[in-house]
């Protein structure tokens, strides 16, 4: 494997990281339950434990779920 290939892999990894950080979560990070949308509040909420996006969202630890 050449240095150029390794550089390409590193750049692709950065692109994927930016992509996943920009996405909203699809499931609760605590139990995996799909989040439900609240139209009146404009939030996503877990029906089981009350986890809420964006209030409880931390992209440094939760991005890519």
N, C-alpha and C. Protein backbone atom coordinates (compact mmCIF):
# COMPACT_ATOMS: atom_id res chain seq x y z
N UNK A 1 0.84 -1.17 0.00
CA UNK A 1 0.00 0.00 0.00
C UNK A 1 0.90 1.24 0.00
N UNK A 2 0.57 2.19 -0.86
CA UNK A 2 1.40 3.38 -0.98
C UNK A 2 0.93 4.48 -0.02
N UNK A 3 1.77 5.50 0.14
CA UNK A 3 1.41 6.64 1.00
C UNK A 3 0.21 7.38 0.43
N UNK A 4 0.12 7.42 -0.89
CA UNK A 4 -1.02 8.10 -1.52
C UNK A 4 -2.33 7.38 -1.19
N UNK A 5 -2.31 6.06 -1.19
CA UNK A 5 -3.51 5.30 -0.84
C UNK A 5 -3.89 5.55 0.62
N UNK A 6 -2.90 5.60 1.50
CA UNK A 6 -3.19 5.87 2.91
C UNK A 6 -3.77 7.27 3.09
N UNK A 7 -3.25 8.24 2.34
CA UNK A 7 -3.77 9.60 2.40
C UNK A 7 -5.22 9.65 1.91
N UNK A 8 -5.52 8.91 0.86
CA UNK A 8 -6.89 8.84 0.35
C UNK A 8 -7.83 8.24 1.38
N UNK A 9 -7.41 7.19 2.05
CA UNK A 9 -8.22 6.56 3.09
C UNK A 9 -8.47 7.54 4.23
N UNK A 10 -7.46 8.29 4.64
CA UNK A 10 -7.61 9.27 5.71
C UNK A 10 -8.60 10.36 5.31
N UNK A 11 -8.53 10.82 4.07
CA UNK A 11 -9.46 11.85 3.59
C UNK A 11 -10.89 11.32 3.53
N UNK A 12 -11.07 10.09 3.08
CA UNK A 12 -12.40 9.50 3.04
C UNK A 12 -12.97 9.37 4.45
N UNK A 13 -12.13 9.02 5.41
CA UNK A 13 -12.56 8.92 6.79
C UNK A 13 -13.03 10.28 7.31
N UNK A 14 -12.34 11.34 6.99
CA UNK A 14 -12.75 12.69 7.40
C UNK A 14 -14.09 13.07 6.77
N UNK A 15 -14.30 12.71 5.50
CA UNK A 15 -15.56 13.00 4.83
C UNK A 15 -16.72 12.26 5.50
N UNK A 16 -16.53 10.98 5.82
CA UNK A 16 -17.57 10.21 6.50
C UNK A 16 -17.87 10.78 7.88
N UNK A 17 -16.84 11.20 8.58
CA UNK A 17 -17.03 11.78 9.90
C UNK A 17 -17.88 13.05 9.82
N UNK A 18 -17.57 13.92 8.85
CA UNK A 18 -18.36 15.15 8.67
C UNK A 18 -19.80 14.82 8.31
N UNK A 19 -19.99 13.82 7.44
CA UNK A 19 -21.34 13.42 7.03
C UNK A 19 -22.15 12.95 8.22
N UNK A 20 -21.61 12.03 9.02
CA UNK A 20 -22.37 11.47 10.13
C UNK A 20 -22.60 12.48 11.24
N UNK A 21 -21.69 13.42 11.43
CA UNK A 21 -21.91 14.47 12.43
C UNK A 21 -23.04 15.40 12.04
N UNK A 22 -23.31 15.54 10.74
CA UNK A 22 -24.36 16.43 10.26
C UNK A 22 -25.74 15.77 10.28
N UNK A 23 -25.80 14.47 10.49
CA UNK A 23 -27.07 13.74 10.47
C UNK A 23 -27.75 13.77 11.84
N UNK A 24 -29.07 13.81 11.84
CA UNK A 24 -29.82 13.67 13.08
C UNK A 24 -29.81 12.19 13.50
N UNK A 25 -29.93 11.93 14.78
CA UNK A 25 -29.98 10.53 15.21
C UNK A 25 -31.27 9.87 14.74
N UNK A 26 -31.21 8.58 14.53
CA UNK A 26 -32.37 7.81 14.09
C UNK A 26 -32.96 6.97 15.20
N UNK A 27 -32.12 6.69 16.21
CA UNK A 27 -32.56 5.83 17.31
C UNK A 27 -31.99 6.36 18.62
N UNK A 28 -32.62 5.98 19.70
CA UNK A 28 -32.17 6.38 21.03
C UNK A 28 -30.82 5.71 21.32
N UNK A 29 -29.83 6.47 21.78
CA UNK A 29 -28.53 5.87 22.07
C UNK A 29 -28.54 4.97 23.30
N UNK A 30 -29.56 5.08 24.13
CA UNK A 30 -29.64 4.28 25.35
C UNK A 30 -30.24 2.90 25.12
N UNK A 31 -31.28 2.83 24.26
CA UNK A 31 -31.95 1.53 24.10
C UNK A 31 -32.23 1.15 22.65
N UNK A 32 -31.87 1.99 21.69
CA UNK A 32 -32.04 1.66 20.27
C UNK A 32 -33.45 1.82 19.73
N UNK A 33 -34.35 2.36 20.51
CA UNK A 33 -35.73 2.56 20.08
C UNK A 33 -35.78 3.70 19.06
N UNK A 34 -36.53 3.53 17.96
CA UNK A 34 -36.65 4.64 17.01
C UNK A 34 -37.24 5.88 17.69
N UNK A 35 -36.70 7.03 17.35
CA UNK A 35 -37.16 8.28 17.96
C UNK A 35 -38.45 8.74 17.29
N UNK A 36 -39.34 9.35 18.07
CA UNK A 36 -40.58 9.88 17.53
C UNK A 36 -40.49 11.39 17.46
N UNK A 37 -41.07 11.95 16.40
CA UNK A 37 -41.01 13.39 16.18
C UNK A 37 -42.15 14.08 16.91
N UNK A 38 -41.81 15.21 17.51
CA UNK A 38 -42.80 16.06 18.15
C UNK A 38 -42.95 17.31 17.30
N UNK A 39 -44.06 17.40 16.56
CA UNK A 39 -44.26 18.52 15.64
C UNK A 39 -44.37 19.84 16.37
N UNK A 40 -45.00 19.84 17.54
CA UNK A 40 -45.20 21.09 18.26
C UNK A 40 -43.89 21.65 18.82
N UNK A 41 -42.97 20.76 19.23
CA UNK A 41 -41.72 21.20 19.83
C UNK A 41 -40.56 21.19 18.84
N UNK A 42 -40.70 20.47 17.74
CA UNK A 42 -39.63 20.36 16.76
C UNK A 42 -38.46 19.52 17.25
N UNK A 43 -38.74 18.51 18.07
CA UNK A 43 -37.69 17.66 18.61
C UNK A 43 -37.95 16.20 18.26
N UNK A 44 -36.94 15.37 18.48
CA UNK A 44 -37.07 13.92 18.39
C UNK A 44 -36.94 13.38 19.80
N UNK A 45 -37.80 12.45 20.17
CA UNK A 45 -37.82 11.98 21.56
C UNK A 45 -37.95 10.45 21.62
N UNK A 46 -37.28 9.87 22.61
CA UNK A 46 -37.41 8.43 22.88
C UNK A 46 -38.65 8.22 23.74
N UNK A 47 -39.56 7.35 23.33
CA UNK A 47 -40.78 7.15 24.11
C UNK A 47 -40.55 6.40 25.42
N UNK A 48 -39.40 5.75 25.58
CA UNK A 48 -39.17 4.94 26.78
C UNK A 48 -38.45 5.67 27.90
N UNK A 49 -37.39 6.40 27.58
CA UNK A 49 -36.61 7.01 28.66
C UNK A 49 -36.53 8.53 28.62
N UNK A 50 -37.20 9.15 27.63
CA UNK A 50 -37.24 10.61 27.59
C UNK A 50 -36.03 11.27 26.97
N UNK A 51 -35.11 10.48 26.39
CA UNK A 51 -33.96 11.09 25.72
C UNK A 51 -34.49 11.95 24.58
N UNK A 52 -33.90 13.14 24.39
CA UNK A 52 -34.43 14.08 23.41
C UNK A 52 -33.31 14.70 22.57
N UNK A 53 -33.58 14.81 21.27
CA UNK A 53 -32.70 15.52 20.35
C UNK A 53 -33.31 16.87 20.07
N UNK A 54 -32.62 17.96 20.17
CA UNK A 54 -31.19 18.15 20.31
C UNK A 54 -30.71 18.34 21.75
N UNK A 55 -31.60 18.35 22.71
CA UNK A 55 -31.21 18.64 24.10
C UNK A 55 -30.09 17.74 24.60
N UNK A 56 -30.21 16.44 24.38
CA UNK A 56 -29.25 15.48 24.94
C UNK A 56 -28.20 15.01 23.94
N UNK A 57 -28.17 15.61 22.77
CA UNK A 57 -27.28 15.17 21.69
C UNK A 57 -25.86 15.68 21.89
N UNK A 58 -24.88 14.79 21.76
CA UNK A 58 -23.47 15.15 21.81
C UNK A 58 -22.79 14.52 20.59
N UNK A 59 -22.54 15.29 19.53
CA UNK A 59 -22.00 14.69 18.30
C UNK A 59 -20.61 14.09 18.47
N UNK A 60 -19.86 14.50 19.48
CA UNK A 60 -18.53 13.92 19.69
C UNK A 60 -18.59 12.47 20.12
N UNK A 61 -19.65 12.09 20.83
CA UNK A 61 -19.75 10.71 21.30
C UNK A 61 -20.87 9.93 20.64
N UNK A 62 -21.82 10.62 20.01
CA UNK A 62 -23.00 9.92 19.49
C UNK A 62 -23.15 9.95 17.98
N UNK A 63 -22.33 10.68 17.26
CA UNK A 63 -22.48 10.78 15.81
C UNK A 63 -22.28 9.43 15.15
N UNK A 64 -23.15 9.16 14.12
CA UNK A 64 -23.03 7.92 13.38
C UNK A 64 -23.97 6.84 13.84
N UNK A 65 -24.87 7.14 14.74
CA UNK A 65 -25.82 6.14 15.21
C UNK A 65 -26.91 5.96 14.19
